[in-house]
């Protein structure tokens, strides 16, 4: 019997490749709203990030979502993502 292939994803902050289940998905909906996708099933363009503090903070420092989604991303979006992740 063949073993199932584990889907791998690359973190946009640290560029490490990890199994998809260990990563957080950031989704840009067709309407243009950006949010954390804890279920991994929201429709839209997705980007993956490690669930660690340094990678989450690196998102805003390098304006990484702007590069990934090829669209301007407001600073408030980065703050909201940090609040969602850290539960503040």
N, C-alpha and C. Protein backbone atom coordinates (compact mmCIF):
# COMPACT_ATOMS: atom_id res chain seq x y z
N UNK A 1 0.84 -1.18 0.00
CA UNK A 1 0.00 0.00 0.00
C UNK A 1 0.88 1.25 0.00
N UNK A 2 0.52 2.22 -0.81
CA UNK A 2 1.31 3.44 -0.91
C UNK A 2 1.01 4.38 0.25
N UNK A 3 2.05 5.08 0.69
CA UNK A 3 1.86 6.10 1.72
C UNK A 3 1.30 7.35 1.08
N UNK A 4 0.45 8.06 1.83
CA UNK A 4 -0.11 9.31 1.31
C UNK A 4 0.97 10.37 1.27
N UNK A 5 0.93 11.16 0.22
CA UNK A 5 1.88 12.26 0.08
C UNK A 5 1.41 13.41 0.97
N UNK A 6 2.31 13.95 1.77
CA UNK A 6 1.99 15.07 2.66
C UNK A 6 2.19 16.36 1.90
N UNK A 7 1.11 17.18 1.76
CA UNK A 7 1.28 18.45 1.05
C UNK A 7 2.17 19.40 1.83
N UNK A 8 3.14 19.98 1.15
CA UNK A 8 4.08 20.91 1.77
C UNK A 8 3.79 22.32 1.28
N UNK A 9 4.02 23.31 2.16
CA UNK A 9 3.84 24.71 1.83
C UNK A 9 5.05 25.49 2.33
N UNK A 10 5.35 26.62 1.68
CA UNK A 10 6.48 27.46 2.05
C UNK A 10 5.97 28.69 2.78
N UNK A 11 6.59 29.00 3.91
CA UNK A 11 6.25 30.19 4.69
C UNK A 11 6.72 31.42 3.92
N UNK A 12 5.85 32.42 3.80
CA UNK A 12 6.22 33.63 3.07
C UNK A 12 7.17 34.51 3.85
N UNK A 13 7.29 34.26 5.16
CA UNK A 13 8.17 35.09 6.00
C UNK A 13 9.58 34.51 6.10
N UNK A 14 9.68 33.23 6.47
CA UNK A 14 11.01 32.65 6.70
C UNK A 14 11.47 31.73 5.56
N UNK A 15 10.57 31.46 4.60
CA UNK A 15 10.85 30.63 3.42
C UNK A 15 11.15 29.17 3.75
N UNK A 16 10.75 28.70 4.93
CA UNK A 16 10.92 27.28 5.27
C UNK A 16 9.73 26.49 4.75
N UNK A 17 10.00 25.30 4.28
CA UNK A 17 8.94 24.43 3.78
C UNK A 17 8.51 23.49 4.90
N UNK A 18 7.19 23.45 5.16
CA UNK A 18 6.65 22.61 6.23
C UNK A 18 5.36 21.97 5.75
N UNK A 19 4.88 20.92 6.46
CA UNK A 19 3.58 20.33 6.09
C UNK A 19 2.46 21.36 6.20
N UNK A 20 1.51 21.25 5.29
CA UNK A 20 0.41 22.21 5.20
C UNK A 20 -0.36 22.33 6.52
N UNK A 21 -0.56 21.24 7.23
CA UNK A 21 -1.32 21.24 8.48
C UNK A 21 -0.63 22.03 9.60
N UNK A 22 0.67 22.24 9.50
CA UNK A 22 1.41 22.98 10.53
C UNK A 22 1.45 24.48 10.26
N UNK A 23 0.90 24.92 9.13
CA UNK A 23 0.99 26.32 8.73
C UNK A 23 -0.34 27.03 8.92
N UNK A 24 -0.28 28.36 9.02
CA UNK A 24 -1.47 29.21 9.04
C UNK A 24 -1.69 29.73 7.63
N UNK A 25 -2.94 29.75 7.20
CA UNK A 25 -3.25 30.27 5.87
C UNK A 25 -3.83 31.67 6.00
N UNK A 26 -3.31 32.56 5.20
CA UNK A 26 -3.85 33.92 5.11
C UNK A 26 -4.54 33.98 3.75
N UNK A 27 -5.81 34.37 3.78
CA UNK A 27 -6.63 34.31 2.58
C UNK A 27 -7.07 35.70 2.13
N UNK A 28 -7.01 35.93 0.83
CA UNK A 28 -7.58 37.14 0.24
C UNK A 28 -8.82 36.70 -0.52
N UNK A 29 -9.99 37.09 -0.01
CA UNK A 29 -11.25 36.67 -0.61
C UNK A 29 -11.44 37.34 -1.97
N UNK A 30 -12.35 36.82 -2.79
CA UNK A 30 -12.63 37.46 -4.08
C UNK A 30 -13.08 38.92 -3.93
N UNK A 31 -13.64 39.26 -2.75
CA UNK A 31 -14.06 40.64 -2.49
C UNK A 31 -12.87 41.53 -2.10
N UNK A 32 -11.71 40.92 -1.83
CA UNK A 32 -10.51 41.69 -1.51
C UNK A 32 -10.20 41.76 -0.02
N UNK A 33 -11.00 41.11 0.83
CA UNK A 33 -10.76 41.13 2.28
C UNK A 33 -9.69 40.10 2.65
N UNK A 34 -8.74 40.51 3.48
CA UNK A 34 -7.65 39.64 3.89
C UNK A 34 -7.87 39.23 5.34
N UNK A 35 -7.79 37.91 5.62
CA UNK A 35 -8.00 37.42 6.98
C UNK A 35 -7.26 36.10 7.18
N UNK A 36 -7.10 35.72 8.45
CA UNK A 36 -6.52 34.43 8.77
C UNK A 36 -7.58 33.37 8.51
N UNK A 37 -7.17 32.28 7.91
CA UNK A 37 -8.07 31.18 7.58
C UNK A 37 -7.66 29.98 8.43
N UNK A 38 -8.27 29.85 9.61
CA UNK A 38 -7.91 28.75 10.50
C UNK A 38 -8.38 27.40 9.97
N UNK A 39 -9.47 27.38 9.20
CA UNK A 39 -9.99 26.11 8.66
C UNK A 39 -9.21 25.65 7.43
N UNK A 40 -8.62 26.61 6.71
CA UNK A 40 -7.88 26.27 5.50
C UNK A 40 -8.79 26.02 4.31
N UNK A 41 -10.07 26.41 4.41
CA UNK A 41 -11.02 26.11 3.35
C UNK A 41 -11.72 27.33 2.76
N UNK A 42 -11.35 28.53 3.19
CA UNK A 42 -12.00 29.72 2.62
C UNK A 42 -11.61 29.86 1.16
N UNK A 43 -12.53 30.39 0.37
CA UNK A 43 -12.23 30.57 -1.05
C UNK A 43 -11.39 31.83 -1.24
N UNK A 44 -10.57 31.80 -2.24
CA UNK A 44 -9.71 32.94 -2.53
C UNK A 44 -8.26 32.56 -2.59
N UNK A 45 -7.42 33.54 -2.83
CA UNK A 45 -5.96 33.35 -2.93
C UNK A 45 -5.39 33.16 -1.54
N UNK A 46 -4.55 32.17 -1.37
CA UNK A 46 -3.98 31.88 -0.06
C UNK A 46 -2.48 32.02 -0.02
N UNK A 47 -1.99 32.36 1.16
CA UNK A 47 -0.55 32.42 1.42
C UNK A 47 -0.35 31.76 2.78
N UNK A 48 0.78 31.13 2.97
CA UNK A 48 1.03 30.39 4.21
C UNK A 48 2.14 31.03 5.01
N UNK A 49 1.97 30.96 6.35
CA UNK A 49 2.96 31.51 7.27
C UNK A 49 3.07 30.57 8.47
N UNK A 50 4.27 30.47 9.03
CA UNK A 50 4.48 29.65 10.23
C UNK A 50 3.70 30.24 11.39
N UNK A 51 3.16 29.40 12.27
CA UNK A 51 2.41 29.92 13.41
C UNK A 51 3.33 30.33 14.57
N UNK A 52 4.34 31.14 14.28
CA UNK A 52 5.25 31.60 15.32
C UNK A 52 5.27 33.13 15.31
N UNK A 53 5.59 33.68 16.44
CA UNK A 53 5.55 35.14 16.63
C UNK A 53 6.46 35.87 15.65
N UNK A 54 7.66 35.35 15.43
CA UNK A 54 8.61 36.06 14.56
C UNK A 54 8.11 36.15 13.12
N UNK A 55 7.52 35.08 12.62
CA UNK A 55 7.03 35.10 11.24
C UNK A 55 5.82 36.02 11.09
N UNK A 56 4.94 36.03 12.08
CA UNK A 56 3.77 36.90 12.02
C UNK A 56 4.20 38.37 12.04
N UNK A 57 5.17 38.69 12.89
CA UNK A 57 5.66 40.07 12.96
C UNK A 57 6.43 40.47 11.70
N UNK A 58 7.08 39.51 11.08
CA UNK A 58 7.86 39.77 9.87
C UNK A 58 6.96 40.14 8.68
N UNK A 59 5.69 39.74 8.74
CA UNK A 59 4.76 40.07 7.66
C UNK A 59 4.66 41.57 7.44
N UNK A 60 4.44 42.32 8.55
CA UNK A 60 4.26 43.77 8.40
C UNK A 60 5.57 44.49 8.17
N UNK A 61 6.64 43.98 8.77
CA UNK A 61 7.94 44.63 8.61
C UNK A 61 8.38 44.65 7.15
N UNK A 62 8.14 43.55 6.45
CA UNK A 62 8.58 43.47 5.05
C UNK A 62 7.48 43.72 4.05
N UNK A 63 6.27 44.09 4.52
CA UNK A 63 5.13 44.29 3.62
C UNK A 63 4.96 43.08 2.70
N UNK A 64 5.03 41.88 3.30
CA UNK A 64 5.03 40.65 2.51
C UNK A 64 3.70 40.35 1.83
N UNK A 65 2.58 40.72 2.46
CA UNK A 65 1.29 40.44 1.85
C UNK A 65 1.09 41.27 0.58
N UNK A 66 1.65 42.44 0.56
CA UNK A 66 1.58 43.30 -0.63
C UNK A 66 2.25 42.59 -1.80
N UNK A 67 3.37 41.95 -1.53
CA UNK A 67 4.11 41.25 -2.58
C UNK A 67 3.38 39.98 -3.02
N UNK A 68 2.85 39.22 -2.06
CA UNK A 68 2.21 37.95 -2.36
C UNK A 68 0.91 38.14 -3.13
N UNK A 69 0.08 39.08 -2.68
CA UNK A 69 -1.22 39.27 -3.31
C UNK A 69 -1.20 40.28 -4.45
N UNK A 70 -0.05 40.87 -4.74
CA UNK A 70 0.12 41.84 -5.83
C UNK A 70 -0.92 42.95 -5.77
N UNK A 71 -1.14 43.44 -4.56
CA UNK A 71 -2.11 44.51 -4.35
C UNK A 71 -1.70 45.29 -3.12
N UNK A 72 -2.07 46.57 -3.04
CA UNK A 72 -1.75 47.35 -1.85
C UNK A 72 -2.49 46.81 -0.62
N UNK A 73 -1.77 46.71 0.49
CA UNK A 73 -2.35 46.21 1.74
C UNK A 73 -2.14 47.28 2.81
N UNK A 74 -3.23 47.70 3.42
CA UNK A 74 -3.20 48.74 4.44
C UNK A 74 -2.53 48.22 5.72
N UNK A 75 -1.88 49.11 6.46
CA UNK A 75 -1.22 48.75 7.72
C UNK A 75 -2.21 48.19 8.73
N UNK A 76 -3.46 48.62 8.68
CA UNK A 76 -4.48 48.13 9.61
C UNK A 76 -4.73 46.63 9.42
N UNK A 77 -4.54 46.13 8.21
CA UNK A 77 -4.71 44.70 7.94
C UNK A 77 -3.65 43.90 8.70
N UNK A 78 -2.41 44.39 8.69
CA UNK A 78 -1.33 43.70 9.41
C UNK A 78 -1.61 43.70 10.91
N UNK A 79 -2.09 44.83 11.44
CA UNK A 79 -2.41 44.90 12.87
C UNK A 79 -3.54 43.95 13.22
N UNK A 80 -4.56 43.88 12.35
CA UNK A 80 -5.70 42.99 12.61
C UNK A 80 -5.26 41.53 12.58
N UNK A 81 -4.38 41.16 11.65
CA UNK A 81 -3.87 39.79 11.60
C UNK A 81 -3.09 39.44 12.86
N UNK A 82 -2.27 40.38 13.35
CA UNK A 82 -1.54 40.15 14.59
C UNK A 82 -2.50 39.99 15.76
N UNK A 83 -3.55 40.81 15.81
CA UNK A 83 -4.53 40.70 16.89
C UNK A 83 -5.26 39.36 16.83
N UNK A 84 -5.63 38.90 15.63
CA UNK A 84 -6.29 37.61 15.49
C UNK A 84 -5.37 36.48 15.95
N UNK A 85 -4.10 36.55 15.57
CA UNK A 85 -3.17 35.48 15.92
C UNK A 85 -2.86 35.46 17.41
N UNK A 86 -2.57 36.63 17.97
CA UNK A 86 -2.18 36.69 19.38
C UNK A 86 -3.38 36.72 20.32
N UNK A 87 -4.60 36.85 19.77
CA UNK A 87 -5.81 36.81 20.58
C UNK A 87 -6.00 38.01 21.48
N UNK A 88 -5.58 39.18 21.04
CA UNK A 88 -5.70 40.38 21.86
C UNK A 88 -7.06 41.02 21.66
